[in-house]
Amino acid sequence: MITAILRFNISNAFPEWEQAFYNHQPIARAAGLYELYHGHEPGNDKRVVVVLNCLSEEHMERFIEANAEAMASSGHILESTVTEIYVN
């Protein structure tokens, strides 16, 4: 199991992105990705962070590849994503 921290920009308002994020959570959970936290920078609601647990970095990357269109339609600017991986 890994913990991943994803930081990225969004093209819309945070509440709009957040609603799309919530709507997609059942799909993510069914695929084995479990969100621990999400939020935005103070004073910059276009810079977002998501912290999640999943099986492996490869597992997460496959999920992102398979769901890239839905993620982009939520306002997530995919090419802005910076990922940090932690293991225990």
C-alpha atoms as a PDB file:
ATOM      1  CA  MET A   1       0.000   0.000   0.000  1.00  0.00           C
ATOM      2  CA  ILE A   2       1.225   3.493  -0.825  1.00  0.00           C
ATOM      3  CA  THR A   3       0.162   6.999   0.065  1.00  0.00           C
ATOM      4  CA  ALA A   4       0.189   9.462  -2.818  1.00  0.00           C
ATOM      5  CA  ILE A   5       0.034  13.236  -2.671  1.00  0.00           C
ATOM      6  CA  LEU A   6      -1.155  14.799  -5.913  1.00  0.00           C
ATOM      7  CA  ARG A   7      -0.855  18.561  -6.395  1.00  0.00           C
ATOM      8  CA  PHE A   8      -2.421  20.145  -9.467  1.00  0.00           C
ATOM      9  CA  ASN A   9      -4.194  23.155 -10.928  1.00  0.00           C
ATOM     10  CA  ILE A  10      -7.846  23.340 -11.866  1.00  0.00           C
ATOM     11  CA  SER A  11      -9.464  25.457 -14.550  1.00  0.00           C
ATOM     12  CA  ASN A  12     -12.764  26.065 -12.762  1.00  0.00           C
ATOM     13  CA  ALA A  13     -13.931  27.084  -9.295  1.00  0.00           C
ATOM     14  CA  PHE A  14     -12.973  24.743  -6.453  1.00  0.00           C
ATOM     15  CA  PRO A  15     -16.608  23.919  -5.508  1.00  0.00           C
ATOM     16  CA  GLU A  16     -17.286  22.831  -9.110  1.00  0.00           C
ATOM     17  CA  TRP A  17     -14.183  20.639  -9.186  1.00  0.00           C
ATOM     18  CA  GLU A  18     -15.005  19.257  -5.736  1.00  0.00           C
ATOM     19  CA  GLN A  19     -18.518  18.219  -6.773  1.00  0.00           C
ATOM     20  CA  ALA A  20     -17.147  16.327  -9.784  1.00  0.00           C
ATOM     21  CA  PHE A  21     -14.526  14.758  -7.485  1.00  0.00           C
ATOM     22  CA  TYR A  22     -17.242  13.568  -5.075  1.00  0.00           C
ATOM     23  CA  ASN A  23     -19.309  12.217  -7.955  1.00  0.00           C
ATOM     24  CA  HIS A  24     -16.334  10.118  -9.130  1.00  0.00           C
ATOM     25  CA  GLN A  25     -15.445   8.709  -5.689  1.00  0.00           C
ATOM     26  CA  PRO A  26     -17.514   5.495  -6.016  1.00  0.00           C
ATOM     27  CA  ILE A  27     -15.534   4.625  -9.168  1.00  0.00           C
ATOM     28  CA  ALA A  28     -12.217   5.380  -7.466  1.00  0.00           C
ATOM     29  CA  ARG A  29     -13.110   3.333  -4.372  1.00  0.00           C
ATOM     30  CA  ALA A  30     -14.257   0.406  -6.500  1.00  0.00           C
ATOM     31  CA  ALA A  31     -10.844   0.546  -8.208  1.00  0.00           C
ATOM     32  CA  GLY A  32      -9.005   0.549  -4.859  1.00  0.00           C
ATOM     33  CA  LEU A  33      -8.119   4.244  -4.529  1.00  0.00           C
ATOM     34  CA  TYR A  34      -9.129   5.758  -1.197  1.00  0.00           C
ATOM     35  CA  GLU A  35      -9.064   9.511  -0.696  1.00  0.00           C
ATOM     36  CA  LEU A  36      -7.784  10.652   2.703  1.00  0.00           C
ATOM     37  CA  TYR A  37      -7.911  14.404   2.154  1.00  0.00           C
ATOM     38  CA  HIS A  38      -8.437  17.060  -0.489  1.00  0.00           C
ATOM     39  CA  GLY A  39      -8.285  20.834  -0.351  1.00  0.00           C
ATOM     40  CA  HIS A  40      -6.778  23.941  -1.915  1.00  0.00           C
ATOM     41  CA  GLU A  41      -4.051  26.411  -1.074  1.00  0.00           C
ATOM     42  CA  PRO A  42      -5.056  29.285   1.186  1.00  0.00           C
ATOM     43  CA  GLY A  43      -5.914  32.223  -1.034  1.00  0.00           C
ATOM     44  CA  ASN A  44      -5.625  30.137  -4.237  1.00  0.00           C
ATOM     45  CA  ASP A  45      -8.576  27.875  -4.916  1.00  0.00           C
ATOM     46  CA  LYS A  46      -7.097  26.901  -8.293  1.00  0.00           C
ATOM     47  CA  ARG A  47      -4.196  24.955  -6.690  1.00  0.00           C
ATOM     48  CA  VAL A  48      -5.485  21.651  -5.287  1.00  0.00           C
ATOM     49  CA  VAL A  49      -4.066  18.745  -3.315  1.00  0.00           C
ATOM     50  CA  VAL A  50      -5.438  15.204  -3.012  1.00  0.00           C
ATOM     51  CA  VAL A  51      -3.976  12.639  -0.614  1.00  0.00           C
ATOM     52  CA  LEU A  52      -4.916   9.013  -1.235  1.00  0.00           C
ATOM     53  CA  ASN A  53      -4.027   5.416  -0.448  1.00  0.00           C
ATOM     54  CA  CYS A  54      -3.821   2.731  -3.124  1.00  0.00           C
ATOM     55  CA  LEU A  55      -2.067  -0.544  -3.914  1.00  0.00           C
ATOM     56  CA  SER A  56       0.888   0.841  -5.862  1.00  0.00           C
ATOM     57  CA  GLU A  57       2.050   3.748  -7.976  1.00  0.00           C
ATOM     58  CA  GLU A  58       1.428   1.654 -11.097  1.00  0.00           C
ATOM     59  CA  HIS A  59      -2.121   0.902  -9.930  1.00  0.00           C
ATOM     60  CA  MET A  60      -2.781   4.627  -9.473  1.00  0.00           C
ATOM     61  CA  GLU A  61      -1.261   5.471 -12.866  1.00  0.00           C
ATOM     62  CA  ARG A  62      -3.478   2.903 -14.600  1.00  0.00           C
ATOM     63  CA  PHE A  63      -6.536   4.386 -12.916  1.00  0.00           C
ATOM     64  CA  ILE A  64      -5.552   7.907 -13.977  1.00  0.00           C
ATOM     65  CA  GLU A  65      -4.968   6.753 -17.558  1.00  0.00           C
ATOM     66  CA  ALA A  66      -8.329   5.007 -17.695  1.00  0.00           C
ATOM     67  CA  ASN A  67     -10.155   8.004 -16.183  1.00  0.00           C
ATOM     68  CA  ALA A  68      -8.203  10.899 -17.699  1.00  0.00           C
ATOM     69  CA  GLU A  69     -11.158  12.186 -19.705  1.00  0.00           C
ATOM     70  CA  ALA A  70     -13.432  12.357 -16.649  1.00  0.00           C
ATOM     71  CA  MET A  71     -10.672  13.960 -14.600  1.00  0.00           C
ATOM     72  CA  ALA A  72     -10.044  16.607 -17.272  1.00  0.00           C
ATOM     73  CA  SER A  73     -13.769  17.329 -17.562  1.00  0.00           C
ATOM     74  CA  SER A  74     -13.837  18.018 -13.801  1.00  0.00           C
ATOM     75  CA  GLY A  75     -11.460  20.936 -14.372  1.00  0.00           C
ATOM     76  CA  HIS A  76      -8.279  19.061 -13.367  1.00  0.00           C
ATOM     77  CA  ILE A  77      -5.411  20.296 -15.558  1.00  0.00           C
ATOM     78  CA  LEU A  78      -3.707  16.922 -15.923  1.00  0.00           C
ATOM     79  CA  GLU A  79      -0.352  18.194 -17.175  1.00  0.00           C
ATOM     80  CA  SER A  80       0.031  20.338 -14.034  1.00  0.00           C
ATOM     81  CA  THR A  81      -0.044  17.298 -11.715  1.00  0.00           C
ATOM     82  CA  VAL A  82       2.935  16.694  -9.444  1.00  0.00           C
ATOM     83  CA  THR A  83       2.868  13.404  -7.536  1.00  0.00           C
ATOM     84  CA  GLU A  84       4.740  12.366  -4.406  1.00  0.00           C
ATOM     85  CA  ILE A  85       4.729   8.714  -3.287  1.00  0.00           C
ATOM     86  CA  TYR A  86       5.256   7.486   0.273  1.00  0.00           C
ATOM     87  CA  VAL A  87       5.476   3.927   1.616  1.00  0.00           C
ATOM     88  CA  ASN A  88       5.382   2.448   5.093  1.00  0.00           C
END
